[in-house]
């Protein structure tokens, strides 16, 4: 229950404080006095977005505060924010003139989302245009699902998750199939490039060896001449070479061997040099013969052709043989990926089929609950319509299957109504008048409120009705208020006369800035207010008598 509502500097209201009680609390006032400002104040408490210019001109900020009874269901979830013995819960909102807002829950800073989460368990708000929503198929489905109970909300949430997953998998499969068209062309290119590289089978070691061999073959004459010159210098014919000279020097030292150890060591080195020179001469001779043999047979042409293959591959794939080999490895990996594309499509199809199977089961569960609830909803609404001066009206929630499921399931619902007996039922959006829509909305909200929050706020939901119908609507509101607290903003005297507590809002334009005040009326002032609502003057005795009769009838 909402105990107190405090409002400061909100539009025309400089300061207002309403002390509400159980039952039917009514707020009335002249058109334009600012009755809906209080509705907006409650919307702010529920985490709503503030309108621009909501702060009273000249004030630094607007402030709204609501003191609620603390329901047992919220005590545990808010244990960290409240003292253990708390029996009340305070929600508050500040809105600066620049539009910045701050929210408070239990005296501590909170977010607008926190207020929305908590406020939904404390209060339900039905605006003056709420009945227009009844013409929307989505709103009708929401009402039916709400009548199904909290388990249906859990089923809908689970179905929405399944639906999102099914859409994601369908998109992935579509992308895989789209890529499959280009798959064969890419595979052909990969196979061709890999075949070219694998046929050449290049290695960096081979490239280095071939480049060295090519350099030798290109300088055969110089290499052969250098080798021949070395051989001639070491072992020239006639004994003039270095080998002969070293051998002669060694022989001279051999003649005095064993006399001086130092000279003997030098002789050993000399003999070693002679042997090394002779061996080196043989190596140079064999090298020269090998160069001579390499000059024929077209080996240089073979090397040039092989290295040309390497150059073509390098130009295509990165400039180095290492890049060519890396490209080949990348081609193999991509080929393996594409080769597995068919398997990926099959796996995606299987996963999508499984998701759709789960989605179908979820849709069946939702539909089963809706079918069961539709009959009960129709009967409950018909009963309340009879009490709202629509005796004999028929009402039903007709279910049909959607062409394709959506996030809320595979069903569509259409509220059908026949306001008068003997008239075929038709869609609510096409058949009901404004006043009838208001009554249907009230009947639906009455049904939904049976399991709803303890406080209900109705902002001019009686629009478009009058006379006996207004009285019937008021009685329905009164009946609803027997088990709950209602705050009803109304312009109808028939409803105001039924109030357990009556507040009026008055606008004063005598100053530079208009200001609005809200006050609770005593019994005598209630009569005066109802006379005003009847459109009569203060001295109209008939209107005053009528007002008293309305109050007595309540």
Protein backbone atom coordinates (compact mmCIF):
# COMPACT_ATOMS: atom_id res chain seq x y z
CA UNK A 1 0.00 0.00 0.00
CA UNK A 2 1.10 3.57 -0.72
CA UNK A 3 1.00 5.50 2.57
CA UNK A 4 2.29 8.89 1.46
CA UNK A 5 3.09 10.68 -1.77
CA UNK A 6 5.17 13.87 -1.62
CA UNK A 7 5.76 16.11 -4.63
CA UNK A 8 7.86 19.27 -4.81
CA UNK A 9 8.37 21.65 -7.75
CA UNK A 10 6.86 19.32 -10.31
CA UNK A 11 5.30 21.40 -13.10
CA UNK A 12 2.57 23.50 -11.41
CA UNK A 13 2.86 21.80 -8.02
CA UNK A 14 5.09 23.72 -5.66
CA UNK A 15 4.50 21.31 -2.83
CA UNK A 16 1.91 18.60 -2.25
CA UNK A 17 1.58 15.80 0.24
CA UNK A 18 -1.07 13.10 -0.01
CA UNK A 19 -1.68 10.73 2.91
CA UNK A 20 -3.46 7.83 1.31
CA UNK A 21 -5.31 4.97 2.89
CA UNK A 22 -6.75 1.58 1.94
CA UNK A 23 -9.72 1.35 -0.38
CA UNK A 24 -10.65 3.87 -3.06
CA UNK A 25 -8.70 7.13 -3.05
CA UNK A 26 -10.04 9.65 -5.55
CA UNK A 27 -8.35 12.75 -6.99
CA UNK A 28 -10.46 15.34 -8.79
CA UNK A 29 -10.03 18.89 -10.07
CA UNK A 30 -10.75 21.29 -12.90
CA UNK A 31 -9.44 20.43 -16.34
CA UNK A 32 -5.93 21.82 -16.61
CA UNK A 33 -5.41 21.99 -12.86
CA UNK A 34 -2.70 19.34 -13.06
CA UNK A 35 -4.32 16.06 -12.04
CA UNK A 36 -2.08 14.12 -14.42
CA UNK A 37 0.99 15.69 -12.82
CA UNK A 38 0.45 13.35 -9.90
CA UNK A 39 0.20 10.46 -12.33
CA UNK A 40 3.54 11.56 -13.78
CA UNK A 41 4.99 11.76 -10.27
CA UNK A 42 4.05 8.13 -9.73
CA UNK A 43 5.54 7.22 -13.09
CA UNK A 44 8.83 8.80 -11.96
CA UNK A 45 8.75 6.68 -8.81
CA UNK A 46 8.41 3.61 -11.02
CA UNK A 47 11.57 4.52 -12.91
CA UNK A 48 9.90 6.34 -15.82
CA UNK A 49 11.72 8.87 -17.96
CA UNK A 50 11.05 12.51 -16.98
CA UNK A 51 9.51 14.80 -19.59
CA UNK A 52 11.38 17.92 -20.62
CA UNK A 53 10.35 21.00 -18.65
CA UNK A 54 9.04 18.90 -15.78
CA UNK A 55 10.72 21.10 -13.14
CA UNK A 56 8.67 24.07 -11.91
CA UNK A 57 9.99 27.34 -13.42
CA UNK A 58 12.54 28.98 -11.13
CA UNK A 59 13.16 25.82 -9.06
CA UNK A 60 16.54 24.03 -9.14
CA UNK A 61 15.00 20.56 -9.09
CA UNK A 62 11.82 18.53 -8.68
CA UNK A 63 11.45 15.87 -6.01
CA UNK A 64 9.03 12.96 -5.70
CA UNK A 65 8.84 10.55 -2.78
CA UNK A 66 6.56 7.61 -2.04
CA UNK A 67 6.30 5.73 1.24
CA UNK A 68 5.04 2.17 0.73
CA UNK A 69 4.24 -0.73 2.99
CA UNK A 70 7.02 -3.28 2.63
CA UNK A 71 5.64 -6.52 1.14
CA UNK A 72 7.04 -9.74 2.54
CA UNK A 73 8.11 -10.79 -0.94
CA UNK A 74 10.50 -7.85 -1.22
CA UNK A 75 11.97 -8.02 2.27
CA UNK A 76 14.50 -10.74 1.45
CA UNK A 77 15.58 -9.30 -1.89
CA UNK A 78 16.15 -5.85 -0.33
CA UNK A 79 17.73 -7.11 2.90
CA UNK A 80 21.06 -5.37 2.18
CA UNK A 81 19.39 -1.99 1.64
CA UNK A 82 17.02 -1.95 4.62
CA UNK A 83 17.28 -2.32 8.39
CA UNK A 84 16.09 -5.71 9.69
CA UNK A 85 13.01 -4.27 11.40
CA UNK A 86 11.90 -2.09 8.43
CA UNK A 87 8.17 -2.06 7.78
CA UNK A 88 8.13 0.68 5.14
CA UNK A 89 9.94 1.22 1.86
CA UNK A 90 10.70 4.69 0.53
CA UNK A 91 11.22 5.32 -3.17
CA UNK A 92 12.36 8.76 -4.29
CA UNK A 93 13.47 10.59 -7.43
CA UNK A 94 15.15 13.95 -8.00
CA UNK A 95 15.09 15.68 -11.40
CA UNK A 96 17.33 18.71 -11.92
CA UNK A 97 16.30 21.66 -14.09
CA UNK A 98 18.92 20.44 -16.60
CA UNK A 99 17.22 17.05 -16.82
CA UNK A 100 19.64 14.98 -14.70
CA UNK A 101 17.97 12.49 -12.38
CA UNK A 102 18.89 10.64 -9.22
CA UNK A 103 16.98 7.73 -7.75
CA UNK A 104 16.79 6.53 -4.15
CA UNK A 105 15.59 3.28 -2.69
CA UNK A 106 15.34 2.92 1.06
CA UNK A 107 17.30 6.15 1.53
CA UNK A 108 20.23 4.93 -0.57
CA UNK A 109 21.24 5.82 -4.11
CA UNK A 110 19.76 3.53 -6.73
CA UNK A 111 19.10 3.43 -10.46
CA UNK A 112 15.92 3.99 -12.41
CA UNK A 113 16.06 0.28 -13.26
CA UNK A 114 16.07 -0.53 -9.53
CA UNK A 115 12.92 1.56 -9.10
CA UNK A 116 11.28 -0.23 -12.05
CA UNK A 117 12.10 -3.65 -10.62
CA UNK A 118 10.84 -2.84 -7.13
CA UNK A 119 7.97 -0.58 -8.21
CA UNK A 120 6.42 -3.34 -10.31
CA UNK A 121 5.80 -5.33 -7.13
CA UNK A 122 4.32 -2.32 -5.33
CA UNK A 123 2.10 -0.56 -7.83
CA UNK A 124 0.45 -0.95 -11.23
CA UNK A 125 -0.32 2.15 -13.25
CA UNK A 126 -3.09 2.34 -15.85
CA UNK A 127 -3.04 5.56 -17.85
CA UNK A 128 -5.95 7.38 -19.43
CA UNK A 129 -5.09 6.00 -22.86
CA UNK A 130 -4.51 2.47 -21.63
CA UNK A 131 -7.64 1.19 -23.34
CA UNK A 132 -6.16 2.06 -26.73
CA UNK A 133 -3.51 -0.56 -26.18
CA UNK A 134 -6.23 -3.18 -26.16
CA UNK A 135 -6.48 -2.81 -29.92
CA UNK A 136 -2.92 -4.11 -30.32
CA UNK A 137 -2.50 -7.83 -30.83
CA UNK A 138 0.73 -7.82 -28.81
CA UNK A 139 -1.03 -6.19 -25.84
CA UNK A 140 -3.84 -8.74 -26.00
CA UNK A 141 -1.32 -11.58 -25.95
CA UNK A 142 0.43 -9.98 -22.97
CA UNK A 143 -2.88 -9.82 -21.08
CA UNK A 144 -3.70 -13.45 -21.83
CA UNK A 145 -0.24 -14.60 -20.81
CA UNK A 146 -0.50 -12.54 -17.63
CA UNK A 147 -3.74 -14.34 -16.83
CA UNK A 148 -1.91 -17.67 -17.30
CA UNK A 149 0.19 -16.97 -14.22
CA UNK A 150 3.90 -16.56 -13.41
CA UNK A 151 4.81 -19.93 -14.94
CA UNK A 152 3.83 -18.57 -18.35
CA UNK A 153 6.27 -15.67 -17.94
CA UNK A 154 9.05 -18.20 -17.36
CA UNK A 155 7.94 -20.20 -20.41
CA UNK A 156 7.90 -17.05 -22.55
CA UNK A 157 11.39 -16.06 -21.40
CA UNK A 158 12.72 -19.53 -22.20
CA UNK A 159 10.99 -19.49 -25.59
CA UNK A 160 12.44 -16.06 -26.42
CA UNK A 161 15.93 -17.45 -25.75
CA UNK A 162 15.24 -20.49 -27.95
CA UNK A 163 13.87 -18.25 -30.69
CA UNK A 164 16.96 -16.03 -30.63
CA UNK A 165 19.19 -19.11 -30.84
CA UNK A 166 17.17 -20.57 -33.73
CA UNK A 167 17.44 -17.26 -35.65
CA UNK A 168 21.20 -17.19 -35.02
CA UNK A 169 21.66 -20.78 -36.25
CA UNK A 170 19.50 -20.11 -39.31
CA UNK A 171 21.67 -17.11 -40.18
CA UNK A 172 24.84 -19.15 -39.80
CA UNK A 173 23.49 -21.90 -42.05
CA UNK A 174 22.44 -19.38 -44.67
CA UNK A 175 25.94 -17.91 -44.63
CA UNK A 176 27.49 -21.38 -45.01
CA UNK A 177 25.28 -22.15 -47.96
CA UNK A 178 26.04 -18.81 -49.58
CA UNK A 179 29.75 -19.51 -49.27
CA UNK A 180 29.28 -22.98 -50.74
CA UNK A 181 28.66 -21.42 -54.18
CA UNK A 182 32.14 -19.90 -54.23
CA UNK A 183 33.70 -22.94 -52.56
CA UNK A 184 34.38 -24.94 -55.74
CA UNK A 185 36.00 -21.98 -57.49
CA UNK A 186 38.26 -21.34 -54.52
CA UNK A 187 39.13 -25.03 -54.23
CA UNK A 188 40.17 -25.13 -57.91
CA UNK A 189 42.45 -22.14 -57.42
CA UNK A 190 43.97 -23.60 -54.27
CA UNK A 191 44.59 -26.96 -55.93
CA UNK A 192 46.24 -25.29 -58.91
CA UNK A 193 48.55 -23.15 -56.77
CA UNK A 194 49.41 -26.06 -54.50
CA UNK A 195 50.05 -28.30 -57.50
CA UNK A 196 52.44 -25.73 -59.00
CA UNK A 197 54.38 -25.39 -55.71
CA UNK A 198 54.36 -29.10 -54.89
CA UNK A 199 55.54 -30.02 -58.41
CA UNK A 200 58.47 -27.62 -58.08
CA UNK A 201 59.14 -28.87 -54.51
CA UNK A 202 61.48 -25.97 -53.74
CA UNK A 203 63.71 -25.76 -50.66
CA UNK A 204 65.88 -22.94 -49.44
CA UNK A 205 68.91 -25.29 -49.22
CA UNK A 206 68.49 -26.30 -52.86
CA UNK A 207 68.19 -22.67 -53.92
CA UNK A 208 71.43 -21.77 -52.13
CA UNK A 209 73.25 -24.76 -53.67
CA UNK A 210 72.01 -23.99 -57.18
CA UNK A 211 73.00 -20.33 -56.92
CA UNK A 212 76.51 -21.36 -55.84
CA UNK A 213 76.83 -23.88 -58.68
CA UNK A 214 75.59 -21.34 -61.20
CA UNK A 215 78.19 -18.85 -60.06
CA UNK A 216 80.94 -21.48 -60.62
CA UNK A 217 79.68 -22.45 -64.04
CA UNK A 218 79.49 -18.83 -65.14
CA UNK A 219 83.25 -18.36 -64.28
CA UNK A 220 84.71 -21.68 -65.49
CA UNK A 221 87.66 -20.20 -67.40
CA UNK A 222 88.76 -18.04 -64.50
CA UNK A 223 88.42 -20.90 -62.05
CA UNK A 224 90.27 -23.33 -64.33
CA UNK A 225 93.08 -20.80 -64.91
CA UNK A 226 93.41 -20.07 -61.21
CA UNK A 227 93.61 -23.79 -60.39
CA UNK A 228 96.18 -24.41 -63.15
CA UNK A 229 98.28 -21.47 -61.97
CA UNK A 230 98.25 -22.85 -58.44
CA UNK A 231 99.32 -26.30 -59.65
CA UNK A 232 102.10 -24.76 -61.73
CA UNK A 233 103.39 -22.72 -58.82
CA UNK A 234 103.42 -25.69 -56.50
CA UNK A 235 104.73 -28.44 -58.78
CA UNK A 236 106.00 -26.98 -62.06
CA UNK A 237 107.72 -29.26 -64.50
CA UNK A 238 111.50 -29.35 -64.05
CA UNK A 239 111.25 -29.14 -60.27
CA UNK A 240 110.95 -25.38 -60.17
CA UNK A 241 107.75 -25.40 -58.12
CA UNK A 242 107.22 -24.87 -54.43
CA UNK A 243 106.86 -28.61 -53.80
CA UNK A 244 110.33 -29.30 -55.20
CA UNK A 245 111.85 -26.36 -53.35
CA UNK A 246 110.35 -27.49 -50.06
CA UNK A 247 111.51 -31.07 -50.69
CA UNK A 248 115.08 -29.88 -51.38
CA UNK A 249 115.09 -27.75 -48.23
CA UNK A 250 113.82 -30.67 -46.16
CA UNK A 251 116.52 -32.95 -47.61
CA UNK A 252 119.19 -30.41 -46.59
CA UNK A 253 117.96 -30.41 -43.01
CA UNK A 254 117.76 -34.20 -42.99
CA UNK A 255 121.51 -34.25 -43.54
CA UNK A 256 122.15 -32.75 -40.08
CA UNK A 257 119.30 -34.47 -38.25
CA UNK A 258 119.92 -35.49 -34.65
CA UNK A 259 122.52 -32.84 -33.94
CA UNK A 260 120.32 -29.94 -32.70
CA UNK A 261 116.83 -30.57 -31.37
CA UNK A 262 115.66 -27.08 -32.27
CA UNK A 263 116.71 -27.54 -35.89
CA UNK A 264 115.15 -31.01 -35.91
CA UNK A 265 111.76 -29.44 -34.93
CA UNK A 266 112.08 -26.91 -37.71
CA UNK A 267 112.88 -29.78 -40.09
CA UNK A 268 109.68 -31.56 -39.07
CA UNK A 269 107.66 -28.45 -39.88
CA UNK A 270 109.42 -28.13 -43.22
CA UNK A 271 108.70 -31.72 -44.14
CA UNK A 272 105.04 -31.18 -43.17
CA UNK A 273 104.88 -28.12 -45.43
CA UNK A 274 106.36 -30.14 -48.26
CA UNK A 275 103.74 -32.84 -47.82
CA UNK A 276 100.89 -30.26 -47.53
CA UNK A 277 102.13 -28.47 -50.67
CA UNK A 278 102.22 -31.75 -52.58
CA UNK A 279 98.71 -32.65 -51.33
CA UNK A 280 97.39 -29.15 -52.16
CA UNK A 281 98.81 -29.43 -55.66
CA UNK A 282 96.93 -32.71 -56.12
CA UNK A 283 93.66 -31.13 -54.90
CA UNK A 284 94.07 -28.19 -57.28
CA UNK A 285 94.77 -30.56 -60.15
CA UNK A 286 91.63 -32.59 -59.38
CA UNK A 287 89.56 -29.36 -59.01
CA UNK A 288 90.77 -28.21 -62.41
CA UNK A 289 89.86 -31.53 -63.97
CA UNK A 290 86.41 -31.33 -62.34
CA UNK A 291 85.80 -27.82 -63.68
CA UNK A 292 86.84 -29.05 -67.09
CA UNK A 293 84.26 -31.85 -66.88
CA UNK A 294 81.47 -29.46 -65.77
CA UNK A 295 81.92 -27.31 -68.82
CA UNK A 296 79.92 -29.71 -70.98
CA UNK A 297 76.46 -31.38 -70.78
CA UNK A 298 74.26 -28.22 -70.46
CA UNK A 299 74.34 -28.18 -66.66
CA UNK A 300 74.25 -24.39 -66.55
CA UNK A 301 71.04 -24.36 -68.61
CA UNK A 302 69.43 -26.84 -66.22
CA UNK A 303 70.33 -24.69 -63.22
CA UNK A 304 69.07 -21.52 -64.88
CA UNK A 305 65.77 -23.20 -65.71
CA UNK A 306 65.35 -24.53 -62.16
CA UNK A 307 66.11 -21.15 -60.59
CA UNK A 308 63.68 -19.48 -63.04
CA UNK A 309 60.92 -21.71 -61.67
CA UNK A 310 61.84 -20.55 -58.18
CA UNK A 311 61.74 -16.88 -59.28
CA UNK A 312 58.25 -17.26 -60.81
CA UNK A 313 56.93 -18.73 -57.57
CA UNK A 314 58.56 -15.98 -55.51
CA UNK A 315 57.04 -13.24 -57.66
CA UNK A 316 53.58 -14.74 -57.16
CA UNK A 317 53.75 -15.53 -53.48
CA UNK A 318 55.71 -13.03 -51.43
CA UNK A 319 59.18 -12.47 -52.90
CA UNK A 320 61.07 -15.16 -50.99
CA UNK A 321 61.11 -18.92 -51.04
CA UNK A 322 60.16 -18.90 -47.33
CA UNK A 323 57.03 -16.90 -48.28
CA UNK A 324 56.24 -19.41 -51.05
CA UNK A 325 56.43 -22.30 -48.59
CA UNK A 326 54.28 -20.39 -46.06
CA UNK A 327 51.68 -19.71 -48.79
CA UNK A 328 51.60 -23.40 -49.62
CA UNK A 329 50.92 -24.26 -45.99
CA UNK A 330 48.14 -21.67 -45.86
CA UNK A 331 46.62 -23.14 -49.01
CA UNK A 332 46.62 -26.60 -47.46
CA UNK A 333 44.86 -25.33 -44.33
CA UNK A 334 42.25 -23.44 -46.36
CA UNK A 335 41.72 -26.46 -48.60
CA UNK A 336 41.08 -28.58 -45.52
CA UNK A 337 38.60 -25.98 -44.24
CA UNK A 338 36.73 -25.94 -47.53
CA UNK A 339 36.85 -29.69 -47.77
CA UNK A 340 35.06 -29.73 -44.41
CA UNK A 341 32.43 -27.20 -45.53
CA UNK A 342 29.96 -29.93 -46.41
CA UNK A 343 30.40 -31.43 -42.97
CA UNK A 344 29.94 -27.98 -41.44
CA UNK A 345 26.69 -27.49 -43.36
CA UNK A 346 25.45 -30.91 -42.26
CA UNK A 347 26.36 -30.14 -38.64
CA UNK A 348 24.66 -26.73 -38.84
CA UNK A 349 21.53 -28.30 -40.35
CA UNK A 350 21.43 -30.87 -37.55
CA UNK A 351 21.90 -28.19 -34.87
CA UNK A 352 19.20 -26.02 -36.43
CA UNK A 353 16.80 -28.95 -36.63
CA UNK A 354 17.38 -29.69 -32.94
CA UNK A 355 16.80 -26.02 -32.04
CA UNK A 356 13.57 -25.95 -34.07
CA UNK A 357 12.41 -29.11 -32.35
CA UNK A 358 12.94 -27.44 -28.96
CA UNK A 359 11.23 -24.31 -30.26
CA UNK A 360 8.24 -26.36 -31.36
CA UNK A 361 7.99 -27.96 -27.93
CA UNK A 362 8.14 -24.54 -26.30
CA UNK A 363 5.42 -23.21 -28.61
CA UNK A 364 3.21 -26.18 -27.74
CA UNK A 365 3.68 -25.52 -24.02
CA UNK A 366 2.81 -21.84 -24.46
CA UNK A 367 -0.23 -22.64 -26.55
CA UNK A 368 -1.47 -25.27 -24.11
CA UNK A 369 -1.39 -22.75 -21.26
CA UNK A 370 -3.07 -20.10 -23.42
CA UNK A 371 -5.87 -22.39 -24.52
CA UNK A 372 -6.56 -23.31 -20.90
CA UNK A 373 -6.45 -19.67 -19.76
CA UNK A 374 -8.52 -18.23 -22.63
CA UNK A 375 -11.73 -19.81 -21.41
CA UNK A 376 -11.21 -18.60 -17.86
CA UNK A 377 -10.32 -15.11 -19.03
CA UNK A 378 -13.40 -14.89 -21.22
CA UNK A 379 -15.70 -16.01 -18.41
CA UNK A 380 -14.13 -13.63 -15.88
CA UNK A 381 -14.34 -10.65 -18.23
CA UNK A 382 -17.96 -11.41 -19.16
CA UNK A 383 -18.88 -11.51 -15.47
CA UNK A 384 -17.28 -8.12 -14.86
CA UNK A 385 -18.78 -6.60 -18.01
CA UNK A 386 -22.20 -7.53 -16.72
CA UNK A 387 -21.44 -5.52 -13.59
CA UNK A 388 -20.32 -2.63 -15.79
CA UNK A 389 -23.72 -2.14 -17.48
CA UNK A 390 -22.85 -4.45 -20.37
CA UNK A 391 -25.27 -7.23 -19.48
CA UNK A 392 -25.45 -9.80 -22.25
CA UNK A 393 -22.15 -8.77 -23.82
CA UNK A 394 -19.98 -11.62 -25.02
CA UNK A 395 -16.22 -11.70 -24.81
CA UNK A 396 -13.65 -14.28 -25.79
CA UNK A 397 -9.94 -14.55 -26.43
CA UNK A 398 -9.67 -16.34 -29.79
CA UNK A 399 -6.36 -18.06 -30.45
CA UNK A 400 -4.92 -18.76 -33.87
CA UNK A 401 -1.59 -20.06 -35.11
CA UNK A 402 0.92 -17.64 -36.57
CA UNK A 403 2.32 -18.37 -40.05
CA UNK A 404 5.73 -18.52 -38.39
CA UNK A 405 6.64 -18.34 -34.69
CA UNK A 406 7.91 -15.11 -33.18
CA UNK A 407 9.73 -14.29 -29.93
CA UNK A 408 6.47 -14.73 -27.95
CA UNK A 409 5.55 -18.08 -29.47
CA UNK A 410 3.51 -19.43 -32.33
CA UNK A 411 0.14 -17.95 -31.36
CA UNK A 412 -1.89 -14.87 -32.12
CA UNK A 413 -4.81 -13.78 -29.98
CA UNK A 414 -7.77 -11.66 -30.95
CA UNK A 415 -10.17 -10.32 -28.35
CA UNK A 416 -13.68 -10.70 -29.76
CA UNK A 417 -16.64 -8.84 -28.29
CA UNK A 418 -20.34 -8.45 -28.98
CA UNK A 419 -21.41 -5.47 -26.84
CA UNK A 420 -25.10 -6.29 -27.29
CA UNK A 421 -27.02 -9.58 -27.32
CA UNK A 422 -27.80 -10.99 -30.76
CA UNK A 423 -24.95 -9.12 -32.44
CA UNK A 424 -22.15 -11.23 -33.94
CA UNK A 425 -18.89 -10.92 -32.08
CA UNK A 426 -16.14 -9.01 -33.81
CA UNK A 427 -12.59 -7.87 -33.09
CA UNK A 428 -12.41 -5.49 -30.15
CA UNK A 429 -10.56 -2.87 -32.20
CA UNK A 430 -13.38 -2.76 -34.76
CA UNK A 431 -16.48 -3.30 -32.63
CA UNK A 432 -16.15 -1.50 -29.29
CA UNK A 433 -16.78 2.21 -28.79
CA UNK A 434 -14.51 4.36 -26.64
CA UNK A 435 -16.69 3.92 -23.58
CA UNK A 436 -16.96 0.18 -24.16
CA UNK A 437 -13.19 -0.04 -24.56
CA UNK A 438 -12.77 1.68 -21.22
CA UNK A 439 -15.07 -0.81 -19.54
CA UNK A 440 -13.42 -3.79 -21.22
CA UNK A 441 -10.08 -2.46 -20.10
CA UNK A 442 -11.32 -2.08 -16.53
CA UNK A 443 -12.76 -5.60 -16.59
CA UNK A 444 -9.47 -6.98 -17.89
CA UNK A 445 -7.45 -5.03 -15.37
CA UNK A 446 -9.74 -6.19 -12.59
CA UNK A 447 -9.13 -9.77 -13.59
CA UNK A 448 -5.41 -9.24 -13.92
CA UNK A 449 -5.25 -7.35 -10.60
CA UNK A 450 -6.37 -10.41 -8.65
CA UNK A 451 -2.78 -11.59 -8.63
CA UNK A 452 -1.16 -8.19 -9.07
CA UNK A 453 0.49 -5.63 -6.77
CA UNK A 454 -1.37 -4.20 -3.78
CA UNK A 455 -1.82 -0.66 -5.17
CA UNK A 456 -3.49 0.22 -8.47
CA UNK A 457 -3.54 3.68 -10.04
CA UNK A 458 -6.16 4.57 -12.67
CA UNK A 459 -5.63 7.83 -14.56
CA UNK A 460 -8.97 8.81 -16.10
CA UNK A 461 -9.75 5.32 -17.33
CA UNK A 462 -13.41 6.39 -17.14
CA UNK A 463 -13.03 8.56 -20.25
CA UNK A 464 -15.89 8.29 -22.71
CA UNK A 465 -18.56 7.08 -20.29
CA UNK A 466 -21.29 8.70 -18.20
CA UNK A 467 -24.68 8.22 -16.57
CA UNK A 468 -25.52 4.81 -15.20
CA UNK A 469 -22.49 3.33 -16.90
CA UNK A 470 -20.27 5.68 -14.90
CA UNK A 471 -22.01 4.52 -11.74
CA UNK A 472 -21.42 0.89 -12.71
CA UNK A 473 -17.75 1.60 -13.39
CA UNK A 474 -17.47 3.30 -10.03
CA UNK A 475 -19.06 0.33 -8.27
CA UNK A 476 -16.61 -1.97 -10.04
CA UNK A 477 -13.74 0.20 -8.86
CA UNK A 478 -15.19 0.15 -5.38
CA UNK A 479 -15.43 -3.63 -5.42
CA UNK A 480 -11.86 -3.83 -6.63
CA UNK A 481 -10.82 -1.49 -3.81
CA UNK A 482 -12.21 -3.85 -1.16
CA UNK A 483 -9.09 -6.01 -1.45
CA UNK A 484 -6.64 -3.41 -2.73
CA UNK A 485 -5.69 0.20 -2.52
CA UNK A 486 -6.86 2.23 -5.52
CA UNK A 487 -5.91 5.75 -6.51
CA UNK A 488 -8.30 6.97 -9.20
CA UNK A 489 -7.91 10.26 -11.05
CA UNK A 490 -11.40 10.96 -12.37
CA UNK A 491 -13.73 13.61 -13.74
CA UNK A 492 -16.96 11.70 -13.01
CA UNK A 493 -19.04 12.56 -9.90
CA UNK A 494 -20.54 9.06 -9.90
CA UNK A 495 -17.06 7.62 -9.25
CA UNK A 496 -15.89 10.38 -6.92
CA UNK A 497 -18.92 9.82 -4.68
CA UNK A 498 -17.76 6.28 -3.94
CA UNK A 499 -14.37 7.35 -2.59
CA UNK A 500 -13.14 6.32 0.83
CA UNK A 501 -10.83 9.32 0.65
CA UNK A 502 -11.22 12.32 -1.65
CA UNK A 503 -8.46 14.71 -2.74
CA UNK A 504 -8.85 17.75 -4.93
CA UNK A 505 -6.31 19.69 -6.93
CA UNK A 506 -6.78 23.43 -7.46
CA UNK A 507 -4.81 25.81 -9.69
CA UNK A 508 -4.13 29.39 -8.56
CA UNK A 509 -3.21 31.84 -11.33
CA UNK A 510 -3.23 35.02 -9.25
CA UNK A 511 0.57 35.21 -8.99
CA UNK A 512 3.28 35.57 -11.60
CA UNK A 513 3.62 31.81 -11.81
CA UNK A 514 0.62 29.52 -11.63
CA UNK A 515 0.67 27.11 -8.73
CA UNK A 516 -1.37 24.07 -7.87
CA UNK A 517 -2.32 22.81 -4.44
CA UNK A 518 -3.63 19.40 -3.42
CA UNK A 519 -5.76 18.91 -0.33
CA UNK A 520 -7.89 16.21 1.24
CA UNK A 521 -11.58 17.09 1.51
CA UNK A 522 -13.81 16.63 4.51
CA UNK A 523 -17.43 15.53 4.08
CA UNK A 524 -18.78 19.00 3.52
CA UNK A 525 -16.07 19.93 1.03
CA UNK A 526 -16.73 16.68 -0.84
CA UNK A 527 -20.30 17.83 -1.46
CA UNK A 528 -19.03 21.14 -2.84
CA UNK A 529 -16.59 19.32 -5.14
CA UNK A 530 -19.24 16.94 -6.47
CA UNK A 531 -21.53 19.92 -7.15
CA UNK A 532 -18.70 21.44 -9.18
CA UNK A 533 -18.18 18.15 -11.03
CA UNK A 534 -21.92 18.13 -11.85
CA UNK A 535 -21.36 21.44 -13.60
CA UNK A 536 -23.56 23.43 -11.20
CA UNK A 537 -22.97 26.61 -9.25
CA UNK A 538 -22.53 26.85 -5.49
CA UNK A 539 -26.14 28.04 -5.02
CA UNK A 540 -27.72 25.28 -7.10
CA UNK A 541 -29.80 23.44 -4.53
CA UNK A 542 -30.84 20.69 -6.90
CA UNK A 543 -27.20 19.91 -7.68
CA UNK A 544 -26.33 19.96 -4.00
CA UNK A 545 -29.21 17.55 -3.29
CA UNK A 546 -28.03 15.31 -6.11
CA UNK A 547 -24.52 15.33 -4.70
CA UNK A 548 -25.75 14.28 -1.28
CA UNK A 549 -27.84 11.53 -2.83
CA UNK A 550 -24.80 10.22 -4.68
CA UNK A 551 -22.85 10.15 -1.43
CA UNK A 552 -25.66 8.44 0.45
CA UNK A 553 -26.00 5.83 -2.28
CA UNK A 554 -22.31 5.02 -1.94
